[in-house]
Each structure stands twice: as structure tokens, then as C-alpha cells.
Amino acid sequence: GGSLRLSCAASGSIFRVADMGWYRQAP
């Protein structure tokens, strides 16, 4: 029921042209 805010810092100019995504992997 709680909340979290994740951040992702990306280096390089590729960030400006790419679609970005969040992924997850459980055990």
C-alpha cells in the first residue's frame, strides 16, 4: 500500500533520441 519513487540517470546523448523504459526482474 506504500509508495516509492525511482530515478534513473542516463549518460550520453542517446537519452534525447530514445524511448525509455522501466523493467523489473523478480527471483
mmCIF file of all heavy atoms, coordinates in Angstrom:
data_MODEL
# 
_entry.id   MODEL 
# 
loop_
_atom_site.group_PDB 
_atom_site.id 
_atom_site.type_symbol 
_atom_site.label_atom_id 
_atom_site.label_alt_id 
_atom_site.label_comp_id 
_atom_site.label_asym_id 
_atom_site.label_entity_id 
_atom_site.label_seq_id 
_atom_site.pdbx_PDB_ins_code 
_atom_site.Cartn_x 
_atom_site.Cartn_y 
_atom_site.Cartn_z 
_atom_site.occupancy 
_atom_site.B_iso_or_equiv 
_atom_site.pdbx_formal_charge 
_atom_site.auth_seq_id 
_atom_site.auth_comp_id 
_atom_site.auth_asym_id 
_atom_site.auth_atom_id 
_atom_site.pdbx_PDB_model_num 
ATOM 1   N N   . GLY A 1 1  ? 0.791  -1.213  0.000   1.00 0.00 ? 1  GLY A N   1 
ATOM 2   C CA  . GLY A 1 1  ? 0.000  0.000   0.000   1.00 0.00 ? 1  GLY A CA  1 
ATOM 3   C C   . GLY A 1 1  ? 0.823  1.263   0.000   1.00 0.00 ? 1  GLY A C   1 
ATOM 4   O O   . GLY A 1 1  ? 0.291  2.356   -0.227  1.00 0.00 ? 1  GLY A O   1 
ATOM 5   N N   . GLY A 1 2  ? 2.118  1.132   0.228   1.00 0.00 ? 2  GLY A N   1 
ATOM 6   C CA  . GLY A 1 2  ? 3.001  2.277   0.265   1.00 0.00 ? 2  GLY A CA  1 
ATOM 7   C C   . GLY A 1 2  ? 3.441  2.723   -1.107  1.00 0.00 ? 2  GLY A C   1 
ATOM 8   O O   . GLY A 1 2  ? 3.018  2.180   -2.131  1.00 0.00 ? 2  GLY A O   1 
ATOM 9   N N   . SER A 1 3  ? 4.326  3.732   -1.131  1.00 0.00 ? 3  SER A N   1 
ATOM 10  C CA  . SER A 1 3  ? 4.788  4.321   -2.380  1.00 0.00 ? 3  SER A CA  1 
ATOM 11  C C   . SER A 1 3  ? 6.298  4.479   -2.389  1.00 0.00 ? 3  SER A C   1 
ATOM 12  O O   . SER A 1 3  ? 6.935  4.610   -1.342  1.00 0.00 ? 3  SER A O   1 
ATOM 13  C CB  . SER A 1 3  ? 4.149  5.697   -2.598  1.00 0.00 ? 3  SER A CB  1 
ATOM 14  O OG  . SER A 1 3  ? 2.738  5.615   -2.685  1.00 0.00 ? 3  SER A OG  1 
ATOM 15  N N   . LEU A 1 4  ? 6.860  4.458   -3.582  1.00 0.00 ? 4  LEU A N   1 
ATOM 16  C CA  . LEU A 1 4  ? 8.268  4.722   -3.810  1.00 0.00 ? 4  LEU A CA  1 
ATOM 17  C C   . LEU A 1 4  ? 8.419  5.477   -5.116  1.00 0.00 ? 4  LEU A C   1 
ATOM 18  O O   . LEU A 1 4  ? 7.594  5.330   -6.017  1.00 0.00 ? 4  LEU A O   1 
ATOM 19  C CB  . LEU A 1 4  ? 9.091  3.432   -3.883  1.00 0.00 ? 4  LEU A CB  1 
ATOM 20  C CG  . LEU A 1 4  ? 9.378  2.674   -2.594  1.00 0.00 ? 4  LEU A CG  1 
ATOM 21  C CD1 . LEU A 1 4  ? 10.039 1.341   -2.910  1.00 0.00 ? 4  LEU A CD1 1 
ATOM 22  C CD2 . LEU A 1 4  ? 10.269 3.498   -1.672  1.00 0.00 ? 4  LEU A CD2 1 
ATOM 23  N N   . ARG A 1 5  ? 9.475  6.261   -5.224  1.00 0.00 ? 5  ARG A N   1 
ATOM 24  C CA  . ARG A 1 5  ? 9.782  6.980   -6.454  1.00 0.00 ? 5  ARG A CA  1 
ATOM 25  C C   . ARG A 1 5  ? 11.190 6.612   -6.896  1.00 0.00 ? 5  ARG A C   1 
ATOM 26  O O   . ARG A 1 5  ? 12.161 6.927   -6.211  1.00 0.00 ? 5  ARG A O   1 
ATOM 27  C CB  . ARG A 1 5  ? 9.674  8.489   -6.257  1.00 0.00 ? 5  ARG A CB  1 
ATOM 28  C CG  . ARG A 1 5  ? 9.921  9.306   -7.530  1.00 0.00 ? 5  ARG A CG  1 
ATOM 29  C CD  . ARG A 1 5  ? 9.645  10.781  -7.280  1.00 0.00 ? 5  ARG A CD  1 
ATOM 30  N NE  . ARG A 1 5  ? 10.000 11.648  -8.402  1.00 0.00 ? 5  ARG A NE  1 
ATOM 31  C CZ  . ARG A 1 5  ? 9.230  11.862  -9.468  1.00 0.00 ? 5  ARG A CZ  1 
ATOM 32  N NH1 . ARG A 1 5  ? 8.061  11.257  -9.572  1.00 0.00 ? 5  ARG A NH1 1 
ATOM 33  N NH2 . ARG A 1 5  ? 9.644  12.677  -10.426 1.00 0.00 ? 5  ARG A NH2 1 
ATOM 34  N N   . LEU A 1 6  ? 11.294 5.953   -8.032  1.00 0.00 ? 6  LEU A N   1 
ATOM 35  C CA  . LEU A 1 6  ? 12.573 5.535   -8.568  1.00 0.00 ? 6  LEU A CA  1 
ATOM 36  C C   . LEU A 1 6  ? 13.102 6.566   -9.555  1.00 0.00 ? 6  LEU A C   1 
ATOM 37  O O   . LEU A 1 6  ? 12.333 7.222   -10.251 1.00 0.00 ? 6  LEU A O   1 
ATOM 38  C CB  . LEU A 1 6  ? 12.460 4.187   -9.275  1.00 0.00 ? 6  LEU A CB  1 
ATOM 39  C CG  . LEU A 1 6  ? 11.824 3.036   -8.486  1.00 0.00 ? 6  LEU A CG  1 
ATOM 40  C CD1 . LEU A 1 6  ? 11.866 1.758   -9.311  1.00 0.00 ? 6  LEU A CD1 1 
ATOM 41  C CD2 . LEU A 1 6  ? 12.515 2.850   -7.145  1.00 0.00 ? 6  LEU A CD2 1 
ATOM 42  N N   . SER A 1 7  ? 14.423 6.688   -9.600  1.00 0.00 ? 7  SER A N   1 
ATOM 43  C CA  . SER A 1 7  ? 15.075 7.584   -10.539 1.00 0.00 ? 7  SER A CA  1 
ATOM 44  C C   . SER A 1 7  ? 16.118 6.820   -11.330 1.00 0.00 ? 7  SER A C   1 
ATOM 45  O O   . SER A 1 7  ? 16.725 5.883   -10.828 1.00 0.00 ? 7  SER A O   1 
ATOM 46  C CB  . SER A 1 7  ? 15.744 8.750   -9.814  1.00 0.00 ? 7  SER A CB  1 
ATOM 47  O OG  . SER A 1 7  ? 14.799 9.538   -9.117  1.00 0.00 ? 7  SER A OG  1 
ATOM 48  N N   . CYS A 1 8  ? 16.324 7.227   -12.560 1.00 0.00 ? 8  CYS A N   1 
ATOM 49  C CA  . CYS A 1 8  ? 17.341 6.629   -13.415 1.00 0.00 ? 8  CYS A CA  1 
ATOM 50  C C   . CYS A 1 8  ? 18.072 7.739   -14.144 1.00 0.00 ? 8  CYS A C   1 
ATOM 51  O O   . CYS A 1 8  ? 17.469 8.446   -14.960 1.00 0.00 ? 8  CYS A O   1 
ATOM 52  C CB  . CYS A 1 8  ? 16.719 5.662   -14.414 1.00 0.00 ? 8  CYS A CB  1 
ATOM 53  S SG  . CYS A 1 8  ? 17.878 5.027   -15.649 1.00 0.00 ? 8  CYS A SG  1 
ATOM 54  N N   . ALA A 1 9  ? 19.344 7.881   -13.846 1.00 0.00 ? 9  ALA A N   1 
ATOM 55  C CA  . ALA A 1 9  ? 20.185 8.865   -14.507 1.00 0.00 ? 9  ALA A CA  1 
ATOM 56  C C   . ALA A 1 9  ? 20.923 8.194   -15.653 1.00 0.00 ? 9  ALA A C   1 
ATOM 57  O O   . ALA A 1 9  ? 21.626 7.208   -15.448 1.00 0.00 ? 9  ALA A O   1 
ATOM 58  C CB  . ALA A 1 9  ? 21.171 9.477   -13.520 1.00 0.00 ? 9  ALA A CB  1 
ATOM 59  N N   . ALA A 1 10 ? 20.768 8.729   -16.844 1.00 0.00 ? 10 ALA A N   1 
ATOM 60  C CA  . ALA A 1 10 ? 21.372 8.157   -18.040 1.00 0.00 ? 10 ALA A CA  1 
ATOM 61  C C   . ALA A 1 10 ? 22.369 9.126   -18.646 1.00 0.00 ? 10 ALA A C   1 
ATOM 62  O O   . ALA A 1 10 ? 22.045 10.288  -18.894 1.00 0.00 ? 10 ALA A O   1 
ATOM 63  C CB  . ALA A 1 10 ? 20.298 7.797   -19.062 1.00 0.00 ? 10 ALA A CB  1 
ATOM 64  N N   . SER A 1 11 ? 23.565 8.644   -18.892 1.00 0.00 ? 11 SER A N   1 
ATOM 65  C CA  . SER A 1 11 ? 24.579 9.463   -19.537 1.00 0.00 ? 11 SER A CA  1 
ATOM 66  C C   . SER A 1 11 ? 24.496 9.312   -21.050 1.00 0.00 ? 11 SER A C   1 
ATOM 67  O O   . SER A 1 11 ? 23.935 8.343   -21.559 1.00 0.00 ? 11 SER A O   1 
ATOM 68  C CB  . SER A 1 11 ? 25.975 9.069   -19.045 1.00 0.00 ? 11 SER A CB  1 
ATOM 69  O OG  . SER A 1 11 ? 26.298 7.750   -19.458 1.00 0.00 ? 11 SER A OG  1 
ATOM 70  N N   . GLY A 1 12 ? 25.044 10.284  -21.758 1.00 0.00 ? 12 GLY A N   1 
ATOM 71  C CA  . GLY A 1 12 ? 25.105 10.196  -23.203 1.00 0.00 ? 12 GLY A CA  1 
ATOM 72  C C   . GLY A 1 12 ? 23.926 10.824  -23.911 1.00 0.00 ? 12 GLY A C   1 
ATOM 73  O O   . GLY A 1 12 ? 22.829 10.934  -23.353 1.00 0.00 ? 12 GLY A O   1 
ATOM 74  N N   . SER A 1 13 ? 24.143 11.192  -25.149 1.00 0.00 ? 13 SER A N   1 
ATOM 75  C CA  . SER A 1 13 ? 23.117 11.860  -25.945 1.00 0.00 ? 13 SER A CA  1 
ATOM 76  C C   . SER A 1 13 ? 22.014 10.922  -26.409 1.00 0.00 ? 13 SER A C   1 
ATOM 77  O O   . SER A 1 13 ? 20.985 11.382  -26.905 1.00 0.00 ? 13 SER A O   1 
ATOM 78  C CB  . SER A 1 13 ? 23.762 12.537  -27.161 1.00 0.00 ? 13 SER A CB  1 
ATOM 79  O OG  . SER A 1 13 ? 24.418 11.580  -27.987 1.00 0.00 ? 13 SER A OG  1 
ATOM 80  N N   . ILE A 1 14 ? 22.214 9.626   -26.261 1.00 0.00 ? 14 ILE A N   1 
ATOM 81  C CA  . ILE A 1 14 ? 21.209 8.670   -26.695 1.00 0.00 ? 14 ILE A CA  1 
ATOM 82  C C   . ILE A 1 14 ? 19.883 8.887   -25.976 1.00 0.00 ? 14 ILE A C   1 
ATOM 83  O O   . ILE A 1 14 ? 18.813 8.601   -26.511 1.00 0.00 ? 14 ILE A O   1 
ATOM 84  C CB  . ILE A 1 14 ? 21.700 7.222   -26.494 1.00 0.00 ? 14 ILE A CB  1 
ATOM 85  C CG1 . ILE A 1 14 ? 20.748 6.237   -27.167 1.00 0.00 ? 14 ILE A CG1 1 
ATOM 86  C CG2 . ILE A 1 14 ? 21.842 6.902   -25.009 1.00 0.00 ? 14 ILE A CG2 1 
ATOM 87  C CD1 . ILE A 1 14 ? 21.220 4.806   -27.126 1.00 0.00 ? 14 ILE A CD1 1 
ATOM 88  N N   . PHE A 1 15 ? 19.939 9.419   -24.765 1.00 0.00 ? 15 PHE A N   1 
ATOM 89  C CA  . PHE A 1 15 ? 18.728 9.641   -23.997 1.00 0.00 ? 15 PHE A CA  1 
ATOM 90  C C   . PHE A 1 15 ? 17.767 10.571  -24.715 1.00 0.00 ? 15 PHE A C   1 
ATOM 91  O O   . PHE A 1 15 ? 16.544 10.410  -24.640 1.00 0.00 ? 15 PHE A O   1 
ATOM 92  C CB  . PHE A 1 15 ? 19.071 10.208  -22.615 1.00 0.00 ? 15 PHE A CB  1 
ATOM 93  C CG  . PHE A 1 15 ? 17.880 10.438  -21.738 1.00 0.00 ? 15 PHE A CG  1 
ATOM 94  C CD1 . PHE A 1 15 ? 17.398 9.429   -20.925 1.00 0.00 ? 15 PHE A CD1 1 
ATOM 95  C CD2 . PHE A 1 15 ? 17.241 11.670  -21.731 1.00 0.00 ? 15 PHE A CD2 1 
ATOM 96  C CE1 . PHE A 1 15 ? 16.299 9.642   -20.114 1.00 0.00 ? 15 PHE A CE1 1 
ATOM 97  C CE2 . PHE A 1 15 ? 16.142 11.894  -20.923 1.00 0.00 ? 15 PHE A CE2 1 
ATOM 98  C CZ  . PHE A 1 15 ? 15.667 10.868  -20.111 1.00 0.00 ? 15 PHE A CZ  1 
ATOM 99  N N   . ARG A 1 16 ? 18.301 11.554  -25.411 1.00 0.00 ? 16 ARG A N   1 
ATOM 100 C CA  . ARG A 1 16 ? 17.465 12.562  -26.054 1.00 0.00 ? 16 ARG A CA  1 
ATOM 101 C C   . ARG A 1 16 ? 16.705 12.034  -27.267 1.00 0.00 ? 16 ARG A C   1 
ATOM 102 O O   . ARG A 1 16 ? 15.728 12.656  -27.683 1.00 0.00 ? 16 ARG A O   1 
ATOM 103 C CB  . ARG A 1 16 ? 18.327 13.760  -26.468 1.00 0.00 ? 16 ARG A CB  1 
ATOM 104 C CG  . ARG A 1 16 ? 18.890 14.550  -25.298 1.00 0.00 ? 16 ARG A CG  1 
ATOM 105 C CD  . ARG A 1 16 ? 19.605 15.806  -25.766 1.00 0.00 ? 16 ARG A CD  1 
ATOM 106 N NE  . ARG A 1 16 ? 20.918 15.515  -26.319 1.00 0.00 ? 16 ARG A NE  1 
ATOM 107 C CZ  . ARG A 1 16 ? 21.193 15.474  -27.616 1.00 0.00 ? 16 ARG A CZ  1 
ATOM 108 N NH1 . ARG A 1 16 ? 20.230 15.687  -28.503 1.00 0.00 ? 16 ARG A NH1 1 
ATOM 109 N NH2 . ARG A 1 16 ? 22.423 15.211  -28.021 1.00 0.00 ? 16 ARG A NH2 1 
ATOM 110 N N   . VAL A 1 17 ? 17.129 10.913  -27.819 1.00 0.00 ? 17 VAL A N   1 
ATOM 111 C CA  . VAL A 1 17 ? 16.500 10.390  -29.031 1.00 0.00 ? 17 VAL A CA  1 
ATOM 112 C C   . VAL A 1 17 ? 15.760 9.082   -28.808 1.00 0.00 ? 17 VAL A C   1 
ATOM 113 O O   . VAL A 1 17 ? 15.032 8.634   -29.691 1.00 0.00 ? 17 VAL A O   1 
ATOM 114 C CB  . VAL A 1 17 ? 17.534 10.195  -30.154 1.00 0.00 ? 17 VAL A CB  1 
ATOM 115 C CG1 . VAL A 1 17 ? 18.210 11.521  -30.491 1.00 0.00 ? 17 VAL A CG1 1 
ATOM 116 C CG2 . VAL A 1 17 ? 18.577 9.155   -29.757 1.00 0.00 ? 17 VAL A CG2 1 
ATOM 117 N N   . ALA A 1 18 ? 15.924 8.469   -27.653 1.00 0.00 ? 18 ALA A N   1 
ATOM 118 C CA  . ALA A 1 18 ? 15.380 7.140   -27.415 1.00 0.00 ? 18 ALA A CA  1 
ATOM 119 C C   . ALA A 1 18 ? 14.120 7.159   -26.557 1.00 0.00 ? 18 ALA A C   1 
ATOM 120 O O   . ALA A 1 18 ? 13.938 8.017   -25.696 1.00 0.00 ? 18 ALA A O   1 
ATOM 121 C CB  . ALA A 1 18 ? 16.426 6.253   -26.747 1.00 0.00 ? 18 ALA A CB  1 
ATOM 122 N N   . ASP A 1 19 ? 13.257 6.190   -26.826 1.00 0.00 ? 19 ASP A N   1 
ATOM 123 C CA  . ASP A 1 19 ? 12.160 5.898   -25.914 1.00 0.00 ? 19 ASP A CA  1 
ATOM 124 C C   . ASP A 1 19 ? 12.745 5.120   -24.740 1.00 0.00 ? 19 ASP A C   1 
ATOM 125 O O   . ASP A 1 19 ? 13.534 4.191   -24.939 1.00 0.00 ? 19 ASP A O   1 
ATOM 126 C CB  . ASP A 1 19 ? 11.082 5.059   -26.594 1.00 0.00 ? 19 ASP A CB  1 
ATOM 127 C CG  . ASP A 1 19 ? 10.441 5.771   -27.769 1.00 0.00 ? 19 ASP A CG  1 
ATOM 128 O OD1 . ASP A 1 19 ? 10.592 7.004   -27.886 1.00 0.00 ? 19 ASP A OD1 1 
ATOM 129 O OD2 . ASP A 1 19 ? 9.780  5.087   -28.577 1.00 0.00 ? 19 ASP A OD2 1 
ATOM 130 N N   . MET A 1 20 ? 12.369 5.487   -23.536 1.00 0.00 ? 20 MET A N   1 
ATOM 131 C CA  . MET A 1 20 ? 12.936 4.869   -22.345 1.00 0.00 ? 20 MET A CA  1 
ATOM 132 C C   . MET A 1 20 ? 11.907 4.002   -21.633 1.00 0.00 ? 20 MET A C   1 
ATOM 133 O O   . MET A 1 20 ? 10.702 4.198   -21.772 1.00 0.00 ? 20 MET A O   1 
ATOM 134 C CB  . MET A 1 20 ? 13.461 5.940   -21.391 1.00 0.00 ? 20 MET A CB  1 
ATOM 135 C CG  . MET A 1 20 ? 14.529 6.840   -21.982 1.00 0.00 ? 20 MET A CG  1 
ATOM 136 S SD  . MET A 1 20 ? 16.048 5.931   -22.408 1.00 0.00 ? 20 MET A SD  1 
ATOM 137 C CE  . MET A 1 20 ? 16.571 5.373   -20.786 1.00 0.00 ? 20 MET A CE  1 
ATOM 138 N N   . GLY A 1 21 ? 12.404 3.050   -20.861 1.00 0.00 ? 21 GLY A N   1 
ATOM 139 C CA  . GLY A 1 21 ? 11.504 2.163   -20.153 1.00 0.00 ? 21 GLY A CA  1 
ATOM 140 C C   . GLY A 1 21 ? 12.052 1.729   -18.809 1.00 0.00 ? 21 GLY A C   1 
ATOM 141 O O   . GLY A 1 21 ? 13.260 1.761   -18.571 1.00 0.00 ? 21 GLY A O   1 
ATOM 142 N N   . TRP A 1 22 ? 11.139 1.340   -17.945 1.00 0.00 ? 22 TRP A N   1 
ATOM 143 C CA  . TRP A 1 22 ? 11.479 0.701   -16.689 1.00 0.00 ? 22 TRP A CA  1 
ATOM 144 C C   . TRP A 1 22 ? 11.163 -0.784  -16.807 1.00 0.00 ? 22 TRP A C   1 
ATOM 145 O O   . TRP A 1 22 ? 10.083 -1.157  -17.286 1.00 0.00 ? 22 TRP A O   1 
ATOM 146 C CB  . TRP A 1 22 ? 10.704 1.305   -15.519 1.00 0.00 ? 22 TRP A CB  1 
ATOM 147 C CG  . TRP A 1 22 ? 11.278 2.591   -14.998 1.00 0.00 ? 22 TRP A CG  1 
ATOM 148 C CD1 . TRP A 1 22 ? 10.876 3.849   -15.295 1.00 0.00 ? 22 TRP A CD1 1 
ATOM 149 C CD2 . TRP A 1 22 ? 12.362 2.709   -14.071 1.00 0.00 ? 22 TRP A CD2 1 
ATOM 150 N NE1 . TRP A 1 22 ? 11.644 4.766   -14.614 1.00 0.00 ? 22 TRP A NE1 1 
ATOM 151 C CE2 . TRP A 1 22 ? 12.564 4.098   -13.854 1.00 0.00 ? 22 TRP A CE2 1 
ATOM 152 C CE3 . TRP A 1 22 ? 13.175 1.805   -13.405 1.00 0.00 ? 22 TRP A CE3 1 
ATOM 153 C CZ2 . TRP A 1 22 ? 13.550 4.585   -12.997 1.00 0.00 ? 22 TRP A CZ2 1 
ATOM 154 C CZ3 . TRP A 1 22 ? 14.162 2.288   -12.562 1.00 0.00 ? 22 TRP A CZ3 1 
ATOM 155 C CH2 . TRP A 1 22 ? 14.337 3.658   -12.368 1.00 0.00 ? 22 TRP A CH2 1 
ATOM 156 N N   . TYR A 1 23 ? 12.101 -1.605  -16.369 1.00 0.00 ? 23 TYR A N   1 
ATOM 157 C CA  . TYR A 1 23 ? 11.963 -3.045  -16.391 1.00 0.00 ? 23 TYR A CA  1 
ATOM 158 C C   . TYR A 1 23 ? 12.124 -3.572  -14.973 1.00 0.00 ? 23 TYR A C   1 
ATOM 159 O O   . TYR A 1 23 ? 12.691 -2.906  -14.119 1.00 0.00 ? 23 TYR A O   1 
ATOM 160 C CB  . TYR A 1 23 ? 13.021 -3.688  -17.285 1.00 0.00 ? 23 TYR A CB  1 
ATOM 161 C CG  . TYR A 1 23 ? 13.061 -3.169  -18.713 1.00 0.00 ? 23 TYR A CG  1 
ATOM 162 C CD1 . TYR A 1 23 ? 13.627 -1.936  -19.012 1.00 0.00 ? 23 TYR A CD1 1 
ATOM 163 C CD2 . TYR A 1 23 ? 12.541 -3.930  -19.761 1.00 0.00 ? 23 TYR A CD2 1 
ATOM 164 C CE1 . TYR A 1 23 ? 13.680 -1.463  -20.313 1.00 0.00 ? 23 TYR A CE1 1 
ATOM 165 C CE2 . TYR A 1 23 ? 12.591 -3.464  -21.063 1.00 0.00 ? 23 TYR A CE2 1 
ATOM 166 C CZ  . TYR A 1 23 ? 13.158 -2.236  -21.331 1.00 0.00 ? 23 TYR A CZ  1 
ATOM 167 O OH  . TYR A 1 23 ? 13.209 -1.777  -22.627 1.00 0.00 ? 23 TYR A OH  1 
ATOM 168 N N   . ARG A 1 24 ? 11.651 -4.779  -14.742 1.00 0.00 ? 24 ARG A N   1 
ATOM 169 C CA  . ARG A 1 24 ? 11.860 -5.396  -13.440 1.00 0.00 ? 24 ARG A CA  1 
ATOM 170 C C   . ARG A 1 24 ? 12.052 -6.896  -13.598 1.00 0.00 ? 24 ARG A C   1 
ATOM 171 O O   . ARG A 1 24 ? 11.559 -7.503  -14.546 1.00 0.00 ? 24 ARG A O   1 
ATOM 172 C CB  . ARG A 1 24 ? 10.701 -5.107  -12.482 1.00 0.00 ? 24 ARG A CB  1 
ATOM 173 C CG  . ARG A 1 24 ? 9.380  -5.786  -12.838 1.00 0.00 ? 24 ARG A CG  1 
ATOM 174 C CD  . ARG A 1 24 ? 8.285  -5.341  -11.881 1.00 0.00 ? 24 ARG A CD  1 
ATOM 175 N NE  . ARG A 1 24 ? 7.003  -5.973  -12.159 1.00 0.00 ? 24 ARG A NE  1 
ATOM 176 C CZ  . ARG A 1 24 ? 5.867  -5.654  -11.547 1.00 0.00 ? 24 ARG A CZ  1 
ATOM 177 N NH1 . ARG A 1 24 ? 5.852  -4.702  -10.619 1.00 0.00 ? 24 ARG A NH1 1 
ATOM 178 N NH2 . ARG A 1 24 ? 4.741  -6.281  -11.861 1.00 0.00 ? 24 ARG A NH2 1 
ATOM 179 N N   . GLN A 1 25 ? 12.782 -7.470  -12.662 1.00 0.00 ? 25 GLN A N   1 
ATOM 180 C CA  . GLN A 1 25 ? 13.024 -8.899  -12.665 1.00 0.00 ? 25 GLN A CA  1 
ATOM 181 C C   . GLN A 1 25 ? 12.919 -9.434  -11.244 1.00 0.00 ? 25 GLN A C   1 
ATOM 182 O O   . GLN A 1 25 ? 13.687 -9.042  -10.367 1.00 0.00 ? 25 GLN A O   1 
ATOM 183 C CB  . GLN A 1 25 ? 14.401 -9.228  -13.249 1.00 0.00 ? 25 GLN A CB  1 
ATOM 184 C CG  . GLN A 1 25 ? 14.651 -10.715 -13.407 1.00 0.00 ? 25 GLN A CG  1 
ATOM 185 C CD  . GLN A 1 25 ? 15.862 -11.013 -14.264 1.00 0.00 ? 25 GLN A CD  1 
ATOM 186 O OE1 . GLN A 1 25 ? 16.796 -10.213 -14.338 1.00 0.00 ? 25 GLN A OE1 1 
ATOM 187 N NE2 . GLN A 1 25 ? 15.852 -12.151 -14.923 1.00 0.00 ? 25 GLN A NE2 1 
ATOM 188 N N   . ALA A 1 26 ? 11.962 -10.312 -11.025 1.00 0.00 ? 26 ALA A N   1 
ATOM 189 C CA  . ALA A 1 26 ? 11.773 -10.962 -9.737  1.00 0.00 ? 26 ALA A CA  1 
ATOM 190 C C   . ALA A 1 26 ? 12.557 -12.269 -9.722  1.00 0.00 ? 26 ALA A C   1 
ATOM 191 O O   . ALA A 1 26 ? 12.862 -12.837 -10.779 1.00 0.00 ? 26 ALA A O   1 
ATOM 192 C CB  . ALA A 1 26 ? 10.297 -11.223 -9.483  1.00 0.00 ? 26 ALA A CB  1 
ATOM 193 N N   . PRO A 1 27 ? 12.897 -12.778 -8.536  1.00 0.00 ? 27 PRO A N   1 
ATOM 194 C CA  . PRO A 1 27 ? 13.646 -14.034 -8.442  1.00 0.00 ? 27 PRO A CA  1 
ATOM 195 C C   . PRO A 1 27 ? 12.946 -15.168 -9.175  1.00 0.00 ? 27 PRO A C   1 
ATOM 196 O O   . PRO A 1 27 ? 11.750 -15.399 -8.984  1.00 0.00 ? 27 PRO A O   1 
ATOM 197 C CB  . PRO A 1 27 ? 13.695 -14.296 -6.937  1.00 0.00 ? 27 PRO A CB  1 
ATOM 198 C CG  . PRO A 1 27 ? 13.606 -12.935 -6.325  1.00 0.00 ? 27 PRO A CG  1 
ATOM 199 C CD  . PRO A 1 27 ? 12.660 -12.182 -7.214  1.00 0.00 ? 27 PRO A CD  1 
# 
